[in-house]
Amino acid sequence: MSELLELVEKKISEKLGENITVIDLRNVNPFTDYFVITTARNVRHASSLADDVIEEAEKNGWPLRTREGDEGSTWVLVDLNEVIVHIFTEEARNQYKLEKLWADQPIEYYNG
């Protein structure tokens, strides 16, 4: 497991992201190693989680490639190169079902 992945999981957990799921894409995706998926309580929480993950990553030397989704978004994406974080409200997560889309890849659930 990568150091960046551990940092992201820990920060999301500290900031009360729910149902943290990691999909290992190293064998199928040349652009990233992991998707981290989490549920936020609401759109403000989603934006705050994204801000906190970006701040922690940059503080530790991992640059942000891009962030998508504004403050009112139900899905915020944080691309840190080897780790891409998807922060959803519960409704959006149920709608997009990323875990189902990537179900043929190794999936782990973060328990802190």
PDB file of N, CA and C in Angstrom:
ATOM      1  N   MET A   1       0.848  -1.182   0.000  1.00  0.00           N
ATOM      2  CA  MET A   1       0.000   0.000   0.000  1.00  0.00           C
ATOM      3  C   MET A   1       0.889   1.239   0.000  1.00  0.00           C
ATOM      4  N   SER A   2       0.472   2.234  -0.735  1.00  0.00           N
ATOM      5  CA  SER A   2       1.298   3.429  -0.862  1.00  0.00           C
ATOM      6  C   SER A   2       1.125   4.358   0.341  1.00  0.00           C
ATOM      7  N   GLU A   3       2.136   5.143   0.573  1.00  0.00           N
ATOM      8  CA  GLU A   3       2.113   6.118   1.662  1.00  0.00           C
ATOM      9  C   GLU A   3       1.019   7.161   1.429  1.00  0.00           C
ATOM     10  N   LEU A   4       0.862   7.592   0.180  1.00  0.00           N
ATOM     11  CA  LEU A   4      -0.184   8.555  -0.136  1.00  0.00           C
ATOM     12  C   LEU A   4      -1.563   7.968   0.133  1.00  0.00           C
ATOM     13  N   LEU A   5      -1.775   6.721  -0.248  1.00  0.00           N
ATOM     14  CA  LEU A   5      -3.065   6.079  -0.003  1.00  0.00           C
ATOM     15  C   LEU A   5      -3.367   6.046   1.491  1.00  0.00           C
ATOM     16  N   GLU A   6      -2.410   5.677   2.299  1.00  0.00           N
ATOM     17  CA  GLU A   6      -2.596   5.638   3.748  1.00  0.00           C
ATOM     18  C   GLU A   6      -2.929   7.023   4.299  1.00  0.00           C
ATOM     19  N   LEU A   7      -2.232   8.047   3.805  1.00  0.00           N
ATOM     20  CA  LEU A   7      -2.477   9.417   4.249  1.00  0.00           C
ATOM     21  C   LEU A   7      -3.902   9.848   3.901  1.00  0.00           C
ATOM     22  N   VAL A   8      -4.344   9.545   2.688  1.00  0.00           N
ATOM     23  CA  VAL A   8      -5.693   9.920   2.238  1.00  0.00           C
ATOM     24  C   VAL A   8      -6.754   9.212   3.080  1.00  0.00           C
ATOM     25  N   GLU A   9      -6.590   7.918   3.273  1.00  0.00           N
ATOM     26  CA  GLU A   9      -7.557   7.162   4.077  1.00  0.00           C
ATOM     27  C   GLU A   9      -7.661   7.729   5.488  1.00  0.00           C
ATOM     28  N   LYS A  10      -6.522   7.993   6.092  1.00  0.00           N
ATOM     29  CA  LYS A  10      -6.503   8.506   7.462  1.00  0.00           C
ATOM     30  C   LYS A  10      -7.182   9.873   7.553  1.00  0.00           C
ATOM     31  N   LYS A  11      -6.886  10.761   6.608  1.00  0.00           N
ATOM     32  CA  LYS A  11      -7.465  12.103   6.634  1.00  0.00           C
ATOM     33  C   LYS A  11      -8.981  12.044   6.441  1.00  0.00           C
ATOM     34  N   ILE A  12      -9.442  11.228   5.508  1.00  0.00           N
ATOM     35  CA  ILE A  12     -10.885  11.100   5.295  1.00  0.00           C
ATOM     36  C   ILE A  12     -11.563  10.552   6.548  1.00  0.00           C
ATOM     37  N   SER A  13     -10.948   9.556   7.169  1.00  0.00           N
ATOM     38  CA  SER A  13     -11.501   8.975   8.386  1.00  0.00           C
ATOM     39  C   SER A  13     -11.559  10.012   9.509  1.00  0.00           C
ATOM     40  N   GLU A  14     -10.487  10.780   9.685  1.00  0.00           N
ATOM     41  CA  GLU A  14     -10.446  11.824  10.719  1.00  0.00           C
ATOM     42  C   GLU A  14     -11.542  12.856  10.522  1.00  0.00           C
ATOM     43  N   LYS A  15     -11.849  13.150   9.277  1.00  0.00           N
ATOM     44  CA  LYS A  15     -12.842  14.175   8.954  1.00  0.00           C
ATOM     45  C   LYS A  15     -14.237  13.583   8.737  1.00  0.00           C
ATOM     46  N   LEU A  16     -14.406  12.342   9.184  1.00  0.00           N
ATOM     47  CA  LEU A  16     -15.703  11.675   9.253  1.00  0.00           C
ATOM     48  C   LEU A  16     -16.321  11.321   7.899  1.00  0.00           C
ATOM     49  N   GLY A  17     -15.463  11.061   6.909  1.00  0.00           N
ATOM     50  CA  GLY A  17     -15.964  10.468   5.675  1.00  0.00           C
ATOM     51  C   GLY A  17     -16.456   9.062   6.002  1.00  0.00           C
ATOM     52  N   GLU A  18     -17.513   8.622   5.359  1.00  0.00           N
ATOM     53  CA  GLU A  18     -18.134   7.338   5.682  1.00  0.00           C
ATOM     54  C   GLU A  18     -17.911   6.322   4.573  1.00  0.00           C
ATOM     55  N   ASN A  19     -17.926   5.044   4.965  1.00  0.00           N
ATOM     56  CA  ASN A  19     -17.871   3.947   4.012  1.00  0.00           C
ATOM     57  C   ASN A  19     -16.691   4.111   3.044  1.00  0.00           C
ATOM     58  N   ILE A  20     -15.486   4.232   3.588  1.00  0.00           N
ATOM     59  CA  ILE A  20     -14.285   4.452   2.786  1.00  0.00           C
ATOM     60  C   ILE A  20     -13.909   3.145   2.091  1.00  0.00           C
ATOM     61  N   THR A  21     -13.858   3.207   0.769  1.00  0.00           N
ATOM     62  CA  THR A  21     -13.612   2.040  -0.057  1.00  0.00           C
ATOM     63  C   THR A  21     -12.437   2.329  -0.977  1.00  0.00           C
ATOM     64  N   VAL A  22     -11.547   1.348  -1.132  1.00  0.00           N
ATOM     65  CA  VAL A  22     -10.383   1.499  -2.007  1.00  0.00           C
ATOM     66  C   VAL A  22     -10.458   0.448  -3.099  1.00  0.00           C
ATOM     67  N   ILE A  23     -10.346   0.909  -4.344  1.00  0.00           N
ATOM     68  CA  ILE A  23     -10.295   0.000  -5.485  1.00  0.00           C
ATOM     69  C   ILE A  23      -8.880   0.042  -6.050  1.00  0.00           C
ATOM     70  N   ASP A  24      -8.246  -1.121  -6.119  1.00  0.00           N
ATOM     71  CA  ASP A  24      -6.885  -1.248  -6.619  1.00  0.00           C
ATOM     72  C   ASP A  24      -6.929  -1.375  -8.144  1.00  0.00           C
ATOM     73  N   LEU A  25      -6.429  -0.354  -8.818  1.00  0.00           N
ATOM     74  CA  LEU A  25      -6.470  -0.308 -10.281  1.00  0.00           C
ATOM     75  C   LEU A  25      -5.099  -0.509 -10.923  1.00  0.00           C
ATOM     76  N   ARG A  26      -4.117  -0.910 -10.138  1.00  0.00           N
ATOM     77  CA  ARG A  26      -2.750  -0.987 -10.667  1.00  0.00           C
ATOM     78  C   ARG A  26      -2.607  -1.916 -11.861  1.00  0.00           C
ATOM     79  N   ASN A  27      -3.426  -2.936 -11.957  1.00  0.00           N
ATOM     80  CA  ASN A  27      -3.294  -3.880 -13.065  1.00  0.00           C
ATOM     81  C   ASN A  27      -4.089  -3.498 -14.307  1.00  0.00           C
ATOM     82  N   VAL A  28      -4.912  -2.460 -14.228  1.00  0.00           N
ATOM     83  CA  VAL A  28      -5.784  -2.143 -15.360  1.00  0.00           C
ATOM     84  C   VAL A  28      -5.777  -0.681 -15.797  1.00  0.00           C
ATOM     85  N   ASN A  29      -5.152   0.207 -15.047  1.00  0.00           N
ATOM     86  CA  ASN A  29      -5.235   1.623 -15.356  1.00  0.00           C
ATOM     87  C   ASN A  29      -3.846   2.265 -15.339  1.00  0.00           C
ATOM     88  N   PRO A  30      -3.375   2.784 -16.460  1.00  0.00           N
ATOM     89  CA  PRO A  30      -2.047   3.393 -16.495  1.00  0.00           C
ATOM     90  C   PRO A  30      -1.983   4.789 -15.886  1.00  0.00           C
ATOM     91  N   PHE A  31      -3.133   5.379 -15.548  1.00  0.00           N
ATOM     92  CA  PHE A  31      -3.159   6.761 -15.086  1.00  0.00           C
ATOM     93  C   PHE A  31      -3.203   6.921 -13.579  1.00  0.00           C
ATOM     94  N   THR A  32      -3.634   5.883 -12.868  1.00  0.00           N
ATOM     95  CA  THR A  32      -3.724   5.962 -11.411  1.00  0.00           C
ATOM     96  C   THR A  32      -3.617   4.560 -10.832  1.00  0.00           C
ATOM     97  N   ASP A  33      -3.242   4.473  -9.569  1.00  0.00           N
ATOM     98  CA  ASP A  33      -3.127   3.177  -8.900  1.00  0.00           C
ATOM     99  C   ASP A  33      -4.381   2.823  -8.106  1.00  0.00           C
ATOM    100  N   TYR A  34      -4.996   3.829  -7.495  1.00  0.00           N
ATOM    101  CA  TYR A  34      -6.128   3.557  -6.598  1.00  0.00           C
ATOM    102  C   TYR A  34      -7.234   4.591  -6.770  1.00  0.00           C
ATOM    103  N   PHE A  35      -8.461   4.118  -6.637  1.00  0.00           N
ATOM    104  CA  PHE A  35      -9.614   4.980  -6.405  1.00  0.00           C
ATOM    105  C   PHE A  35      -9.946   4.847  -4.924  1.00  0.00           C
ATOM    106  N   VAL A  36     -10.147   5.969  -4.268  1.00  0.00           N
ATOM    107  CA  VAL A  36     -10.688   5.981  -2.918  1.00  0.00           C
ATOM    108  C   VAL A  36     -12.069   6.607  -3.029  1.00  0.00           C
ATOM    109  N   ILE A  37     -13.065   5.902  -2.535  1.00  0.00           N
ATOM    110  CA  ILE A  37     -14.444   6.367  -2.613  1.00  0.00           C
ATOM    111  C   ILE A  37     -14.960   6.529  -1.188  1.00  0.00           C
ATOM    112  N   THR A  38     -15.607   7.661  -0.935  1.00  0.00           N
ATOM    113  CA  THR A  38     -16.174   7.886   0.388  1.00  0.00           C
ATOM    114  C   THR A  38     -17.486   8.648   0.271  1.00  0.00           C
ATOM    115  N   THR A  39     -18.281   8.550   1.318  1.00  0.00           N
ATOM    116  CA  THR A  39     -19.560   9.241   1.365  1.00  0.00           C
ATOM    117  C   THR A  39     -19.472  10.400   2.358  1.00  0.00           C
ATOM    118  N   ALA A  40     -19.941  11.558   1.903  1.00  0.00           N
ATOM    119  CA  ALA A  40     -20.031  12.746   2.752  1.00  0.00           C
ATOM    120  C   ALA A  40     -21.477  12.912   3.205  1.00  0.00           C
ATOM    121  N   ARG A  41     -21.650  13.558   4.345  1.00  0.00           N
ATOM    122  CA  ARG A  41     -23.003  13.753   4.888  1.00  0.00           C
ATOM    123  C   ARG A  41     -23.856  14.700   4.041  1.00  0.00           C
ATOM    124  N   ASN A  42     -23.199  15.664   3.373  1.00  0.00           N
ATOM    125  CA  ASN A  42     -23.903  16.646   2.543  1.00  0.00           C
ATOM    126  C   ASN A  42     -22.879  17.309   1.620  1.00  0.00           C
ATOM    127  N   VAL A  43     -23.318  18.234   0.770  1.00  0.00           N
ATOM    128  CA  VAL A  43     -22.401  18.846  -0.193  1.00  0.00           C
ATOM    129  C   VAL A  43     -21.328  19.701   0.484  1.00  0.00           C
ATOM    130  N   ARG A  44     -21.673  20.353   1.586  1.00  0.00           N
ATOM    131  CA  ARG A  44     -20.650  21.127   2.318  1.00  0.00           C
ATOM    132  C   ARG A  44     -19.576  20.221   2.889  1.00  0.00           C
ATOM    133  N   HIS A  45     -19.989  19.093   3.430  1.00  0.00           N
ATOM    134  CA  HIS A  45     -19.039  18.126   3.965  1.00  0.00           C
ATOM    135  C   HIS A  45     -18.158  17.578   2.844  1.00  0.00           C
ATOM    136  N   ALA A  46     -18.732  17.330   1.672  1.00  0.00           N
ATOM    137  CA  ALA A  46     -17.961  16.822   0.524  1.00  0.00           C
ATOM    138  C   ALA A  46     -16.867  17.818   0.135  1.00  0.00           C
ATOM    139  N   SER A  47     -17.220  19.071   0.057  1.00  0.00           N
ATOM    140  CA  SER A  47     -16.248  20.100  -0.298  1.00  0.00           C
ATOM    141  C   SER A  47     -15.153  20.220   0.755  1.00  0.00           C
ATOM    142  N   SER A  48     -15.547  20.160   2.012  1.00  0.00           N
ATOM    143  CA  SER A  48     -14.595  20.242   3.113  1.00  0.00           C
ATOM    144  C   SER A  48     -13.636  19.047   3.115  1.00  0.00           C
ATOM    145  N   LEU A  49     -14.167  17.850   2.874  1.00  0.00           N
ATOM    146  CA  LEU A  49     -13.305  16.663   2.784  1.00  0.00           C
ATOM    147  C   LEU A  49     -12.276  16.836   1.678  1.00  0.00           C
ATOM    148  N   ALA A  50     -12.710  17.321   0.522  1.00  0.00           N
ATOM    149  CA  ALA A  50     -11.793  17.533  -0.594  1.00  0.00           C
ATOM    150  C   ALA A  50     -10.701  18.527  -0.211  1.00  0.00           C
ATOM    151  N   ASP A  51     -11.093  19.645   0.387  1.00  0.00           N
ATOM    152  CA  ASP A  51     -10.112  20.648   0.817  1.00  0.00           C
ATOM    153  C   ASP A  51      -9.087  20.056   1.780  1.00  0.00           C
ATOM    154  N   ASP A  52      -9.565  19.273   2.743  1.00  0.00           N
ATOM    155  CA  ASP A  52      -8.675  18.693   3.756  1.00  0.00           C
ATOM    156  C   ASP A  52      -7.718  17.669   3.146  1.00  0.00           C
ATOM    157  N   VAL A  53      -8.208  16.858   2.222  1.00  0.00           N
ATOM    158  CA  VAL A  53      -7.347  15.857   1.562  1.00  0.00           C
ATOM    159  C   VAL A  53      -6.274  16.565   0.741  1.00  0.00           C
ATOM    160  N   ILE A  54      -6.657  17.579  -0.009  1.00  0.00           N
ATOM    161  CA  ILE A  54      -5.704  18.325  -0.839  1.00  0.00           C
ATOM    162  C   ILE A  54      -4.644  18.985   0.040  1.00  0.00           C
ATOM    163  N   GLU A  55      -5.074  19.645   1.099  1.00  0.00           N
ATOM    164  CA  GLU A  55      -4.142  20.332   1.997  1.00  0.00           C
ATOM    165  C   GLU A  55      -3.136  19.349   2.607  1.00  0.00           C
ATOM    166  N   GLU A  56      -3.633  18.217   3.086  1.00  0.00           N
ATOM    167  CA  GLU A  56      -2.756  17.222   3.712  1.00  0.00           C
ATOM    168  C   GLU A  56      -1.780  16.626   2.702  1.00  0.00           C
ATOM    169  N   ALA A  57      -2.260  16.317   1.511  1.00  0.00           N
ATOM    170  CA  ALA A  57      -1.392  15.747   0.477  1.00  0.00           C
ATOM    171  C   ALA A  57      -0.290  16.739   0.091  1.00  0.00           C
ATOM    172  N   GLU A  58      -0.679  17.979  -0.189  1.00  0.00           N
ATOM    173  CA  GLU A  58       0.309  18.980  -0.598  1.00  0.00           C
ATOM    174  C   GLU A  58       1.312  19.270   0.513  1.00  0.00           C
ATOM    175  N   LYS A  59       0.837  19.278   1.752  1.00  0.00           N
ATOM    176  CA  LYS A  59       1.723  19.500   2.905  1.00  0.00           C
ATOM    177  C   LYS A  59       2.787  18.413   2.982  1.00  0.00           C
ATOM    178  N   ASN A  60       2.450  17.212   2.488  1.00  0.00           N
ATOM    179  CA  ASN A  60       3.372  16.082   2.537  1.00  0.00           C
ATOM    180  C   ASN A  60       4.058  15.798   1.202  1.00  0.00           C
ATOM    181  N   GLY A  61       3.979  16.748   0.263  1.00  0.00           N
ATOM    182  CA  GLY A  61       4.754  16.655  -0.969  1.00  0.00           C
ATOM    183  C   GLY A  61       4.074  16.008  -2.163  1.00  0.00           C
ATOM    184  N   TRP A  62       2.770  15.743  -2.071  1.00  0.00           N
ATOM    185  CA  TRP A  62       2.051  15.172  -3.216  1.00  0.00           C
ATOM    186  C   TRP A  62       1.199  16.263  -3.850  1.00  0.00           C
ATOM    187  N   PRO A  63       1.526  16.641  -5.071  1.00  0.00           N
ATOM    188  CA  PRO A  63       0.792  17.739  -5.713  1.00  0.00           C
ATOM    189  C   PRO A  63      -0.580  17.306  -6.214  1.00  0.00           C
ATOM    190  N   LEU A  64      -1.469  18.255  -6.259  1.00  0.00           N
ATOM    191  CA  LEU A  64      -2.799  18.059  -6.817  1.00  0.00           C
ATOM    192  C   LEU A  64      -2.699  18.131  -8.335  1.00  0.00           C
ATOM    193  N   ARG A  65      -3.232  17.122  -9.025  1.00  0.00           N
ATOM    194  CA  ARG A  65      -3.321  17.192 -10.485  1.00  0.00           C
ATOM    195  C   ARG A  65      -4.540  18.025 -10.875  1.00  0.00           C
ATOM    196  N   THR A  66      -5.679  17.688 -10.286  1.00  0.00           N
ATOM    197  CA  THR A  66      -6.889  18.451 -10.570  1.00  0.00           C
ATOM    198  C   THR A  66      -7.962  18.158  -9.517  1.00  0.00           C
ATOM    199  N   ARG A  67      -8.874  19.087  -9.412  1.00  0.00           N
ATOM    200  CA  ARG A  67     -10.063  18.910  -8.564  1.00  0.00           C
ATOM    201  C   ARG A  67     -11.268  19.248  -9.426  1.00  0.00           C
ATOM    202  N   GLU A  68     -12.270  18.403  -9.366  1.00  0.00           N
ATOM    203  CA  GLU A  68     -13.493  18.662 -10.120  1.00  0.00           C
ATOM    204  C   GLU A  68     -14.667  18.607  -9.164  1.00  0.00           C
ATOM    205  N   GLY A  69     -15.620  19.496  -9.393  1.00  0.00           N
ATOM    206  CA  GLY A  69     -16.786  19.593  -8.522  1.00  0.00           C
ATOM    207  C   GLY A  69     -16.650  20.825  -7.650  1.00  0.00           C
ATOM    208  N   ASP A  70     -17.644  21.689  -7.723  1.00  0.00           N
ATOM    209  CA  ASP A  70     -17.585  22.910  -6.928  1.00  0.00           C
ATOM    210  C   ASP A  70     -18.260  22.690  -5.569  1.00  0.00           C
ATOM    211  N   GLU A  71     -18.448  23.771  -4.836  1.00  0.00           N
ATOM    212  CA  GLU A  71     -18.966  23.646  -3.470  1.00  0.00           C
ATOM    213  C   GLU A  71     -20.363  23.058  -3.387  1.00  0.00           C
ATOM    214  N   GLY A  72     -21.148  23.141  -4.440  1.00  0.00           N
ATOM    215  CA  GLY A  72     -22.488  22.593  -4.406  1.00  0.00           C
ATOM    216  C   GLY A  72     -22.604  21.215  -5.026  1.00  0.00           C
ATOM    217  N   SER A  73     -21.479  20.606  -5.362  1.00  0.00           N
ATOM    218  CA  SER A  73     -21.495  19.332  -6.078  1.00  0.00           C
ATOM    219  C   SER A  73     -21.762  18.146  -5.159  1.00  0.00           C
ATOM    220  N   THR A  74     -22.491  17.179  -5.691  1.00  0.00           N
ATOM    221  CA  THR A  74     -22.752  15.941  -4.964  1.00  0.00           C
ATOM    222  C   THR A  74     -21.658  14.913  -5.215  1.00  0.00           C
ATOM    223  N   TRP A  75     -20.726  15.225  -6.138  1.00  0.00           N
ATOM    224  CA  TRP A  75     -19.577  14.367  -6.429  1.00  0.00           C
ATOM    225  C   TRP A  75     -18.384  15.278  -6.624  1.00  0.00           C
ATOM    226  N   VAL A  76     -17.388  15.147  -5.754  1.00  0.00           N
ATOM    227  CA  VAL A  76     -16.158  15.919  -5.865  1.00  0.00           C
ATOM    228  C   VAL A  76     -15.022  14.931  -6.119  1.00  0.00           C
ATOM    229  N   LEU A  77     -14.216  15.210  -7.137  1.00  0.00           N
ATOM    230  CA  LEU A  77     -13.092  14.355  -7.493  1.00  0.00           C
ATOM    231  C   LEU A  77     -11.800  15.096  -7.174  1.00  0.00           C
ATOM    232  N   VAL A  78     -10.898  14.409  -6.487  1.00  0.00           N
ATOM    233  CA  VAL A  78      -9.574  14.949  -6.176  1.00  0.00           C
ATOM    234  C   VAL A  78      -8.545  14.003  -6.800  1.00  0.00           C
ATOM    235  N   ASP A  79      -7.821  14.489  -7.800  1.00  0.00           N
ATOM    236  CA  ASP A  79      -6.837  13.674  -8.508  1.00  0.00           C
ATOM    237  C   ASP A  79      -5.443  14.005  -7.988  1.00  0.00           C
ATOM    238  N   LEU A  80      -4.854  13.050  -7.279  1.00  0.00           N
ATOM    239  CA  LEU A  80      -3.504  13.200  -6.720  1.00  0.00           C
ATOM    240  C   LEU A  80      -2.515  12.295  -7.461  1.00  0.00           C
ATOM    241  N   ASN A  81      -2.763  12.057  -8.723  1.00  0.00           N
ATOM    242  CA  ASN A  81      -1.963  11.203  -9.584  1.00  0.00           C
ATOM    243  C   ASN A  81      -2.138   9.730  -9.241  1.00  0.00           C
ATOM    244  N   GLU A  82      -1.386   9.200  -8.303  1.00  0.00           N
ATOM    245  CA  GLU A  82      -1.487   7.760  -8.021  1.00  0.00           C
ATOM    246  C   GLU A  82      -2.740   7.387  -7.232  1.00  0.00           C
ATOM    247  N   VAL A  83      -3.396   8.369  -6.641  1.00  0.00           N
ATOM    248  CA  VAL A  83      -4.642   8.154  -5.907  1.00  0.00           C
ATOM    249  C   VAL A  83      -5.670   9.177  -6.393  1.00  0.00           C
ATOM    250  N   ILE A  84      -6.834   8.685  -6.788  1.00  0.00           N
ATOM    251  CA  ILE A  84      -7.946   9.570  -7.151  1.00  0.00           C
ATOM    252  C   ILE A  84      -9.049   9.350  -6.127  1.00  0.00           C
ATOM    253  N   VAL A  85      -9.477  10.443  -5.509  1.00  0.00           N
ATOM    254  CA  VAL A  85     -10.482  10.387  -4.456  1.00  0.00           C
ATOM    255  C   VAL A  85     -11.824  10.836  -5.026  1.00  0.00           C
ATOM    256  N   HIS A  86     -12.846  10.014  -4.809  1.00  0.00           N
ATOM    257  CA  HIS A  86     -14.214  10.332  -5.211  1.00  0.00           C
ATOM    258  C   HIS A  86     -15.024  10.530  -3.931  1.00  0.00           C
ATOM    259  N   ILE A  87     -15.533  11.731  -3.744  1.00  0.00           N
ATOM    260  CA  ILE A  87     -16.314  12.059  -2.558  1.00  0.00           C
ATOM    261  C   ILE A  87     -17.747  12.315  -3.016  1.00  0.00           C
ATOM    262  N   PHE A  88     -18.659  11.481  -2.532  1.00  0.00           N
ATOM    263  CA  PHE A  88     -20.051  11.545  -2.945  1.00  0.00           C
ATOM    264  C   PHE A  88     -20.965  11.847  -1.768  1.00  0.00           C
ATOM    265  N   THR A  89     -22.092  12.470  -2.059  1.00  0.00           N
ATOM    266  CA  THR A  89     -23.190  12.396  -1.109  1.00  0.00           C
ATOM    267  C   THR A  89     -23.761  10.984  -1.251  1.00  0.00           C
ATOM    268  N   GLU A  90     -24.550  10.558  -0.293  1.00  0.00           N
ATOM    269  CA  GLU A  90     -25.089   9.196  -0.343  1.00  0.00           C
ATOM    270  C   GLU A  90     -25.920   8.948  -1.603  1.00  0.00           C
ATOM    271  N   GLU A  91     -26.737   9.923  -1.966  1.00  0.00           N
ATOM    272  CA  GLU A  91     -27.583   9.765  -3.149  1.00  0.00           C
ATOM    273  C   GLU A  91     -26.752   9.620  -4.415  1.00  0.00           C
ATOM    274  N   ALA A  92     -25.736  10.451  -4.559  1.00  0.00           N
ATOM    275  CA  ALA A  92     -24.884  10.393  -5.753  1.00  0.00           C
ATOM    276  C   ALA A  92     -24.103   9.085  -5.801  1.00  0.00           C
ATOM    277  N   ARG A  93     -23.625   8.628  -4.658  1.00  0.00           N
ATOM    278  CA  ARG A  93     -22.879   7.368  -4.636  1.00  0.00           C
ATOM    279  C   ARG A  93     -23.773   6.211  -5.072  1.00  0.00           C
ATOM    280  N   ASN A  94     -25.004   6.220  -4.618  1.00  0.00           N
ATOM    281  CA  ASN A  94     -25.954   5.178  -5.023  1.00  0.00           C
ATOM    282  C   ASN A  94     -26.279   5.268  -6.510  1.00  0.00           C
ATOM    283  N   GLN A  95     -26.275   6.476  -7.046  1.00  0.00           N
ATOM    284  CA  GLN A  95     -26.586   6.663  -8.459  1.00  0.00           C
ATOM    285  C   GLN A  95     -25.443   6.196  -9.362  1.00  0.00           C
ATOM    286  N   TYR A  96     -24.203   6.570  -9.049  1.00  0.00           N
ATOM    287  CA  TYR A  96     -23.082   6.295  -9.950  1.00  0.00           C
ATOM    288  C   TYR A  96     -22.470   4.913  -9.765  1.00  0.00           C
ATOM    289  N   LYS A  97     -22.550   4.355  -8.581  1.00  0.00           N
ATOM    290  CA  LYS A  97     -22.136   2.971  -8.320  1.00  0.00           C
ATOM    291  C   LYS A  97     -20.741   2.616  -8.866  1.00  0.00           C
ATOM    292  N   LEU A  98     -19.745   3.410  -8.506  1.00  0.00           N
ATOM    293  CA  LEU A  98     -18.388   3.136  -8.988  1.00  0.00           C
ATOM    294  C   LEU A  98     -17.875   1.772  -8.550  1.00  0.00           C
ATOM    295  N   GLU A  99     -18.241   1.357  -7.337  1.00  0.00           N
ATOM    296  CA  GLU A  99     -17.796   0.033  -6.877  1.00  0.00           C
ATOM    297  C   GLU A  99     -18.317  -1.069  -7.796  1.00  0.00           C
ATOM    298  N   LYS A 100     -19.520  -0.925  -8.264  1.00  0.00           N
ATOM    299  CA  LYS A 100     -20.085  -1.934  -9.163  1.00  0.00           C
ATOM    300  C   LYS A 100     -19.383  -1.896 -10.526  1.00  0.00           C
ATOM    301  N   LEU A 101     -19.073  -0.702 -10.997  1.00  0.00           N
ATOM    302  CA  LEU A 101     -18.391  -0.542 -12.276  1.00  0.00           C
ATOM    303  C   LEU A 101     -17.011  -1.217 -12.272  1.00  0.00           C
ATOM    304  N   TRP A 102     -16.325  -1.135 -11.134  1.00  0.00           N
ATOM    305  CA  TRP A 102     -14.974  -1.698 -11.006  1.00  0.00           C
ATOM    306  C   TRP A 102     -14.966  -2.977 -10.164  1.00  0.00           C
ATOM    307  N   ALA A 103     -16.066  -3.675 -10.082  1.00  0.00           N
ATOM    308  CA  ALA A 103     -16.207  -4.845  -9.205  1.00  0.00           C
ATOM    309  C   ALA A 103     -15.260  -5.983  -9.537  1.00  0.00           C
ATOM    310  N   ASP A 104     -14.703  -5.991 -10.742  1.00  0.00           N
ATOM    311  CA  ASP A 104     -13.775  -7.060 -11.113  1.00  0.00           C
ATOM    312  C   ASP A 104     -12.353  -6.789 -10.628  1.00  0.00           C
ATOM    313  N   GLN A 105     -12.132  -5.670  -9.934  1.00  0.00           N
ATOM    314  CA  GLN A 105     -10.818  -5.328  -9.386  1.00  0.00           C
ATOM    315  C   GLN A 105     -10.838  -5.518  -7.865  1.00  0.00           C
ATOM    316  N   PRO A 106      -9.641  -5.678  -7.265  1.00  0.00           N
ATOM    317  CA  PRO A 106      -9.589  -5.837  -5.800  1.00  0.00           C
ATOM    318  C   PRO A 106     -10.158  -4.608  -5.085  1.00  0.00           C
ATOM    319  N   ILE A 107     -11.063  -4.861  -4.147  1.00  0.00           N
ATOM    320  CA  ILE A 107     -11.696  -3.789  -3.376  1.00  0.00           C
ATOM    321  C   ILE A 107     -11.465  -4.058  -1.889  1.00  0.00           C
ATOM    322  N   GLU A 108     -11.053  -2.996  -1.185  1.00  0.00           N
ATOM    323  CA  GLU A 108     -10.855  -3.090   0.262  1.00  0.00           C
ATOM    324  C   GLU A 108     -11.683  -2.003   0.934  1.00  0.00           C
ATOM    325  N   TYR A 109     -12.062  -2.268   2.169  1.00  0.00           N
ATOM    326  CA  TYR A 109     -12.839  -1.328   2.957  1.00  0.00           C
ATOM    327  C   TYR A 109     -11.978  -0.866   4.117  1.00  0.00           C
ATOM    328  N   TYR A 110     -11.843   0.448   4.261  1.00  0.00           N
ATOM    329  CA  TYR A 110     -11.012   1.021   5.314  1.00  0.00           C
ATOM    330  C   TYR A 110     -11.763   1.004   6.632  1.00  0.00           C
ATOM    331  N   ASN A 111     -11.088   0.488   7.658  1.00  0.00           N
ATOM    332  CA  ASN A 111     -11.697   0.403   8.985  1.00  0.00           C
ATOM    333  C   ASN A 111     -10.972   1.231  10.032  1.00  0.00           C
ATOM    334  N   GLY A 112     -10.014   2.048   9.587  1.00  0.00           N
ATOM    335  CA  GLY A 112      -9.287   2.884  10.534  1.00  0.00           C
ATOM    336  C   GLY A 112      -8.286   2.081  11.227  1.00  0.00           C
TER     337      GLY A 112
END
